[in-house]
Amino acid sequence: MQAVAGGSANVWDDGYPSGGNYWSSYNGTDVLRGTYQNETGSDGIGDMPYGQDRYPLMNPWTSPVSTPPSANVTLSGFPIEPIYLIIVAALTIIIAVGAVTFIVRRKKKPPEEAKSPQT
């Protein structure tokens, strides 16, 4: 499918290096790069304009693949893996439960009877 110019002003390209549009009927080459397409090297933009499009794309544009943000936690700039956070949380709970259990059992013990010195 080709774009057709209507009665309004059209923008055919976004300049370099963004490029213009992909035209399925464009048969140009891509061996040059740069604003004037006069530097050696391919850049995905056709070397010759196509109609009013100064920077025709050699391939259809595709959206870049985005990765979802990760829930990375850092400590002093060093990343901490989530598994380590789980381990630390579990150990904290185990220590807290052990401390409470120790205190409760200690309070339930009857005081030892005072031993009289043996003479």
Protein backbone atom coordinates (compact mmCIF):
# COMPACT_ATOMS: atom_id res chain seq x y z
CA MET A 1 0.00 0.00 0.00
CA GLN A 2 1.34 3.41 -0.91
CA ALA A 3 0.67 6.76 0.74
CA VAL A 4 -1.30 9.20 -1.35
CA ALA A 5 -0.88 12.96 -0.95
CA GLY A 6 -4.15 14.69 -0.19
CA GLY A 7 -5.02 18.36 -0.22
CA SER A 8 -3.24 19.10 3.06
CA ALA A 9 0.45 19.62 3.73
CA ASN A 10 2.23 16.30 4.17
CA VAL A 11 5.41 15.54 6.01
CA TRP A 12 7.23 12.83 4.13
CA ASP A 13 10.12 12.22 6.49
CA ASP A 14 11.34 13.06 9.96
CA GLY A 15 14.83 13.98 8.87
CA TYR A 16 17.99 12.08 9.57
CA PRO A 17 18.52 9.72 11.38
CA SER A 18 14.81 9.00 12.04
CA GLY A 19 14.13 8.54 8.36
CA GLY A 20 10.97 8.69 6.36
CA ASN A 21 8.53 6.06 5.25
CA TYR A 22 8.75 2.54 3.92
CA TRP A 23 7.70 2.27 0.30
CA SER A 24 7.14 -1.23 -1.04
CA SER A 25 7.84 0.05 -4.57
CA TYR A 26 11.17 1.69 -3.63
CA ASN A 27 14.01 -0.21 -5.27
CA GLY A 28 16.92 1.89 -4.07
CA THR A 29 20.12 0.76 -2.39
CA ASP A 30 21.57 1.33 1.07
CA VAL A 31 25.34 1.47 0.97
CA LEU A 32 25.70 5.04 2.27
CA ARG A 33 24.73 6.80 5.47
CA GLY A 34 24.65 10.29 6.98
CA THR A 35 22.47 13.36 6.56
CA TYR A 36 23.43 13.65 2.90
CA GLN A 37 23.78 9.89 2.41
CA ASN A 38 27.37 10.45 1.35
CA GLU A 39 29.30 8.53 4.02
CA THR A 40 30.30 4.89 3.61
CA GLY A 41 28.10 2.46 5.53
CA SER A 42 24.54 1.20 5.61
CA ASP A 43 21.96 2.83 7.91
CA GLY A 44 18.61 1.34 6.86
CA ILE A 45 17.73 4.46 4.84
CA GLY A 46 17.75 4.48 1.05
CA ASP A 47 20.60 6.39 -0.55
CA MET A 48 18.33 8.26 -3.00
CA PRO A 49 15.11 10.13 -2.16
CA TYR A 50 11.82 8.58 -3.21
CA GLY A 51 9.53 11.31 -4.49
CA GLN A 52 9.26 13.86 -1.69
CA ASP A 53 10.58 11.43 0.94
CA ARG A 54 14.23 12.37 1.40
CA TYR A 55 14.96 9.36 3.66
CA PRO A 56 12.95 6.33 2.49
CA LEU A 57 13.25 3.32 4.78
CA MET A 58 14.62 0.11 3.32
CA ASN A 59 12.40 -2.08 5.53
CA PRO A 60 9.03 -1.59 7.20
CA TRP A 61 9.29 0.09 10.58
CA THR A 62 8.63 -2.08 13.60
CA SER A 63 8.20 -0.98 17.16
CA PRO A 64 11.22 -1.76 19.32
CA VAL A 65 10.66 -4.62 21.72
CA SER A 66 10.36 -3.24 25.18
CA THR A 67 11.07 -5.25 28.26
CA PRO A 68 8.93 -4.66 31.30
CA PRO A 69 10.69 -2.87 34.11
CA SER A 70 12.13 -5.25 36.63
CA ALA A 71 11.58 -4.99 40.35
CA ASN A 72 15.26 -4.75 41.09
CA VAL A 73 16.24 -3.64 44.55
CA THR A 74 19.64 -2.18 45.18
CA LEU A 75 21.67 -1.77 48.32
CA SER A 76 24.41 0.83 48.06
CA GLY A 77 24.16 0.57 44.29
CA PHE A 78 24.55 -3.22 44.19
CA PRO A 79 21.57 -5.19 42.85
CA ILE A 80 19.88 -7.65 45.18
CA GLU A 81 18.12 -10.63 43.66
CA PRO A 82 14.52 -11.16 44.88
CA ILE A 83 15.36 -14.64 46.23
CA TYR A 84 17.80 -13.08 48.69
CA LEU A 85 15.09 -10.74 49.95
CA ILE A 86 12.81 -13.74 50.53
CA ILE A 87 15.57 -15.58 52.41
CA VAL A 88 16.30 -12.56 54.62
CA ALA A 89 12.58 -12.10 55.35
CA ALA A 90 12.18 -15.79 56.25
CA LEU A 91 15.22 -15.75 58.55
CA THR A 92 13.96 -12.59 60.24
CA ILE A 93 10.60 -14.24 60.92
CA ILE A 94 12.24 -17.43 62.25
CA ILE A 95 14.47 -15.45 64.61
CA ALA A 96 11.54 -13.32 65.82
CA VAL A 97 9.34 -16.37 66.48
CA GLY A 98 12.23 -18.09 68.29
CA ALA A 99 12.83 -15.04 70.49
CA VAL A 100 9.16 -14.71 71.41
CA THR A 101 8.93 -18.45 72.17
CA PHE A 102 12.00 -18.24 74.41
CA ILE A 103 10.61 -15.29 76.34
CA VAL A 104 7.16 -16.87 76.80
CA ARG A 105 8.58 -20.18 78.04
CA ARG A 106 10.95 -18.43 80.40
CA LYS A 107 8.09 -16.51 82.01
CA LYS A 108 6.06 -19.71 82.49
CA LYS A 109 8.81 -21.53 84.42
CA PRO A 110 8.21 -21.54 88.15
CA PRO A 111 10.99 -19.87 90.08
CA GLU A 112 13.41 -22.33 91.57
CA GLU A 113 13.05 -22.77 95.29
CA ALA A 114 15.72 -21.10 97.23
CA LYS A 115 18.25 -23.65 98.25
CA SER A 116 19.39 -23.46 101.79
CA PRO A 117 23.08 -23.66 102.26
CA GLN A 118 24.11 -26.97 103.64
CA THR A 119 26.15 -26.83 106.67
